[in-house]
């Protein structure tokens, strides 16, 4: 499946968030206010 997506230029839209905004992301999920996949920036863990 991933190979087929790569061959056809199919990608996913993501919104990268620092771990500090995970509660805000959860609230947005509950409100159905999400247009992209959420991805947590793991580098932000060191700053938490």
N, C-alpha and C. Protein backbone atom coordinates (compact mmCIF):
# COMPACT_ATOMS: atom_id res chain seq x y z
N UNK A 1 0.82 -1.19 0.00
CA UNK A 1 0.00 0.00 0.00
C UNK A 1 0.87 1.26 0.00
N UNK A 2 1.90 1.28 0.85
CA UNK A 2 2.76 2.46 0.90
C UNK A 2 3.50 2.67 -0.42
N UNK A 3 3.92 1.58 -1.03
CA UNK A 3 4.59 1.69 -2.33
C UNK A 3 3.68 2.27 -3.38
N UNK A 4 2.43 1.84 -3.39
CA UNK A 4 1.45 2.36 -4.35
C UNK A 4 1.20 3.85 -4.13
N UNK A 5 1.10 4.25 -2.86
CA UNK A 5 0.90 5.67 -2.56
C UNK A 5 2.10 6.49 -3.04
N UNK A 6 3.30 5.96 -2.81
CA UNK A 6 4.51 6.65 -3.25
C UNK A 6 4.58 6.80 -4.75
N UNK A 7 4.19 5.76 -5.46
CA UNK A 7 4.22 5.79 -6.93
C UNK A 7 3.24 6.81 -7.49
N UNK A 8 2.13 7.03 -6.81
CA UNK A 8 1.09 7.92 -7.31
C UNK A 8 1.06 9.29 -6.62
N UNK A 9 2.04 9.55 -5.77
CA UNK A 9 2.14 10.86 -5.13
C UNK A 9 1.05 11.13 -4.11
N UNK A 10 0.50 10.07 -3.50
CA UNK A 10 -0.54 10.23 -2.49
C UNK A 10 0.12 10.43 -1.14
N UNK A 11 -0.23 11.52 -0.48
CA UNK A 11 0.36 11.84 0.82
C UNK A 11 -0.75 12.13 1.83
N UNK A 12 -0.35 12.26 3.08
CA UNK A 12 -1.30 12.60 4.14
C UNK A 12 -1.04 14.03 4.59
N UNK A 13 -2.10 14.74 4.92
CA UNK A 13 -1.96 16.07 5.49
C UNK A 13 -1.84 15.90 7.00
N UNK A 14 -0.81 16.51 7.57
CA UNK A 14 -0.59 16.39 9.01
C UNK A 14 -0.43 17.77 9.63
N UNK A 15 -0.76 17.83 10.90
CA UNK A 15 -0.54 19.04 11.69
C UNK A 15 0.38 18.62 12.83
N UNK A 16 1.60 19.14 12.83
CA UNK A 16 2.60 18.78 13.84
C UNK A 16 2.40 19.69 15.05
N UNK A 17 2.25 19.05 16.21
CA UNK A 17 2.00 19.78 17.44
C UNK A 17 3.06 19.44 18.49
N UNK A 18 3.44 20.42 19.30
CA UNK A 18 4.30 20.09 20.44
C UNK A 18 3.45 19.39 21.50
N UNK A 19 4.08 18.60 22.34
CA UNK A 19 3.37 17.86 23.37
C UNK A 19 2.58 18.81 24.29
N UNK A 20 3.04 20.04 24.42
CA UNK A 20 2.37 21.01 25.29
C UNK A 20 0.96 21.34 24.79
N UNK A 21 0.64 21.06 23.53
CA UNK A 21 -0.68 21.38 22.98
C UNK A 21 -1.57 20.15 22.81
N UNK A 22 -1.21 19.03 23.46
CA UNK A 22 -1.97 17.81 23.29
C UNK A 22 -3.40 17.95 23.84
N UNK A 23 -3.58 18.68 24.92
CA UNK A 23 -4.93 18.87 25.46
C UNK A 23 -5.79 19.70 24.51
N UNK A 24 -5.19 20.70 23.89
CA UNK A 24 -5.91 21.50 22.89
C UNK A 24 -6.30 20.63 21.70
N UNK A 25 -5.42 19.75 21.29
CA UNK A 25 -5.72 18.85 20.18
C UNK A 25 -6.88 17.92 20.54
N UNK A 26 -6.89 17.43 21.76
CA UNK A 26 -7.97 16.55 22.21
C UNK A 26 -9.31 17.29 22.20
N UNK A 27 -9.30 18.52 22.66
CA UNK A 27 -10.52 19.33 22.66
C UNK A 27 -11.02 19.55 21.23
N UNK A 28 -10.10 19.78 20.31
CA UNK A 28 -10.49 19.96 18.91
C UNK A 28 -11.08 18.69 18.33
N UNK A 29 -10.54 17.53 18.72
CA UNK A 29 -11.12 16.26 18.28
C UNK A 29 -12.56 16.13 18.74
N UNK A 30 -12.81 16.47 19.99
CA UNK A 30 -14.16 16.38 20.53
C UNK A 30 -15.13 17.32 19.82
N UNK A 31 -14.63 18.45 19.32
CA UNK A 31 -15.47 19.43 18.63
C UNK A 31 -15.54 19.16 17.12
N UNK A 32 -14.93 18.10 16.67
CA UNK A 32 -14.85 17.76 15.23
C UNK A 32 -14.23 18.89 14.43
N UNK A 33 -13.23 19.54 15.00
CA UNK A 33 -12.54 20.66 14.36
C UNK A 33 -11.16 20.22 13.87
N UNK A 34 -11.09 19.06 13.21
CA UNK A 34 -9.82 18.52 12.77
C UNK A 34 -9.90 18.24 11.28
N UNK A 35 -8.97 18.81 10.53
CA UNK A 35 -8.94 18.59 9.09
C UNK A 35 -7.71 17.78 8.68
N UNK A 36 -6.76 17.59 9.60
CA UNK A 36 -5.52 16.88 9.32
C UNK A 36 -5.27 15.86 10.43
N UNK A 37 -4.32 14.99 10.16
CA UNK A 37 -3.86 14.08 11.21
C UNK A 37 -2.98 14.86 12.17
N UNK A 38 -3.14 14.61 13.46
CA UNK A 38 -2.25 15.21 14.45
C UNK A 38 -1.01 14.34 14.59
N UNK A 39 0.15 14.99 14.63
CA UNK A 39 1.41 14.30 14.87
C UNK A 39 2.12 15.07 15.97
N UNK A 40 2.51 14.36 17.02
CA UNK A 40 3.20 15.01 18.14
C UNK A 40 4.69 15.07 17.83
N UNK A 41 5.25 16.26 17.94
CA UNK A 41 6.68 16.47 17.74
C UNK A 41 7.41 15.94 18.96
N UNK A 42 8.08 14.80 18.81
CA UNK A 42 8.73 14.15 19.93
C UNK A 42 9.87 14.99 20.50
N UNK A 43 10.44 15.88 19.72
CA UNK A 43 11.51 16.75 20.23
C UNK A 43 10.97 17.68 21.31
N UNK A 44 9.67 17.94 21.30
CA UNK A 44 9.08 18.83 22.31
C UNK A 44 9.00 18.17 23.68
N UNK A 45 9.18 16.86 23.77
CA UNK A 45 9.17 16.18 25.07
C UNK A 45 10.31 16.66 25.96
N UNK A 46 11.44 16.96 25.36
CA UNK A 46 12.59 17.43 26.14
C UNK A 46 12.33 18.81 26.74
N UNK A 47 11.42 19.55 26.16
CA UNK A 47 11.09 20.90 26.62
C UNK A 47 9.96 20.92 27.63
N UNK A 48 9.29 19.78 27.82
CA UNK A 48 8.11 19.72 28.69
C UNK A 48 8.47 19.81 30.14
